[in-house]
Amino acid sequence: MVSGTLRRKMKGWGVNFESNMRRRKKELLIQTEQTDDKANNRDLTQDEWRQRYNMENELEEIYAAEEIYAAEEGGRNGC
């Protein structure tokens, strides 16, 4: 019984984590696009470039996590 409860809680945690990651990815993509639009119209400050690179790095981490998650799900589903 304890393992069933734990499994349900872990599944719920996973769903929340995935949802938060999708939301953050969407925010980062919008912010990155806005920053790129600014860069097309004027020179960005050092701080703006630093923020842009940080957003890009965070997106890369999200993409890597998505790949790992997809590979794990494929393994569980026999793909």
Protein backbone atom coordinates (compact mmCIF):
# COMPACT_ATOMS: atom_id res chain seq x y z
CA MET A 1 0.00 0.00 0.00
CA VAL A 2 2.81 2.40 0.82
CA SER A 3 4.49 1.83 -2.55
CA GLY A 4 1.21 2.60 -4.37
CA THR A 5 0.87 5.89 -2.52
CA LEU A 6 4.47 6.75 -3.23
CA ARG A 7 4.06 5.85 -6.90
CA ARG A 8 1.01 8.15 -7.21
CA LYS A 9 2.83 11.01 -5.50
CA MET A 10 5.88 10.56 -7.72
CA LYS A 11 3.69 10.49 -10.82
CA GLY A 12 1.97 13.71 -9.69
CA TRP A 13 5.35 15.29 -9.02
CA GLY A 14 6.51 14.29 -12.49
CA VAL A 15 3.45 15.81 -14.13
CA ASN A 16 3.93 19.07 -12.20
CA PHE A 17 7.63 19.15 -13.05
CA GLU A 18 6.94 18.57 -16.74
CA SER A 19 4.24 21.26 -16.74
CA ASN A 20 6.54 23.77 -15.06
CA MET A 21 9.32 22.94 -17.50
CA ARG A 22 7.01 23.49 -20.50
CA ARG A 23 5.84 26.81 -19.03
CA ARG A 24 9.41 27.97 -18.38
CA LYS A 25 10.47 26.93 -21.88
CA LYS A 26 7.65 28.98 -23.40
CA GLU A 27 8.63 32.01 -21.28
CA LEU A 28 12.27 31.69 -22.30
CA LEU A 29 11.42 31.38 -25.98
CA ILE A 30 9.30 34.55 -25.83
CA GLN A 31 11.95 36.47 -23.89
CA THR A 32 14.69 35.30 -26.26
CA GLU A 33 12.66 36.39 -29.28
CA GLN A 34 12.02 39.79 -27.69
CA THR A 35 15.72 40.22 -26.96
CA ASP A 36 16.62 39.22 -30.51
CA ASP A 37 14.15 41.81 -31.82
CA LYS A 38 15.86 44.45 -29.68
CA ALA A 39 19.24 43.34 -31.02
CA ASN A 40 17.98 43.84 -34.57
CA ASN A 41 17.06 47.45 -33.77
CA ARG A 42 19.90 48.56 -31.50
CA ASP A 43 23.04 47.41 -29.76
CA LEU A 44 22.38 45.39 -26.62
CA THR A 45 24.14 46.23 -23.38
CA GLN A 46 26.55 43.76 -21.83
CA ASP A 47 23.92 42.91 -19.25
CA GLU A 48 21.32 42.24 -21.95
CA TRP A 49 23.74 39.94 -23.78
CA ARG A 50 24.53 38.15 -20.53
CA GLN A 51 20.81 37.63 -19.90
CA ARG A 52 20.35 36.44 -23.50
CA TYR A 53 23.12 33.86 -23.14
CA ASN A 54 21.74 32.72 -19.77
CA MET A 55 18.31 32.20 -21.35
CA GLU A 56 19.89 30.23 -24.18
CA ASN A 57 21.80 28.04 -21.71
CA GLU A 58 18.64 27.39 -19.70
CA LEU A 59 16.78 26.44 -22.90
CA GLU A 60 19.56 24.00 -23.79
CA GLU A 61 19.22 22.40 -20.35
CA ILE A 62 15.46 22.07 -20.85
CA TYR A 63 15.94 20.51 -24.30
CA ALA A 64 18.44 18.02 -22.84
CA ALA A 65 16.03 17.14 -20.02
CA GLU A 66 13.24 16.64 -22.56
CA GLU A 67 15.43 14.27 -24.58
CA ILE A 68 16.28 12.24 -21.48
CA TYR A 69 12.62 12.13 -20.45
CA ALA A 70 11.56 11.02 -23.95
CA ALA A 71 14.22 8.30 -24.00
CA GLU A 72 13.13 7.03 -20.59
CA GLU A 73 9.46 7.04 -21.60
CA GLY A 74 10.33 5.20 -24.81
CA GLY A 75 12.17 2.57 -22.80
CA ARG A 76 9.22 2.09 -20.47
CA ASN A 77 6.79 1.79 -23.36
CA GLY A 78 8.91 -0.76 -25.18
CA CYS A 79 9.84 1.53 -28.08
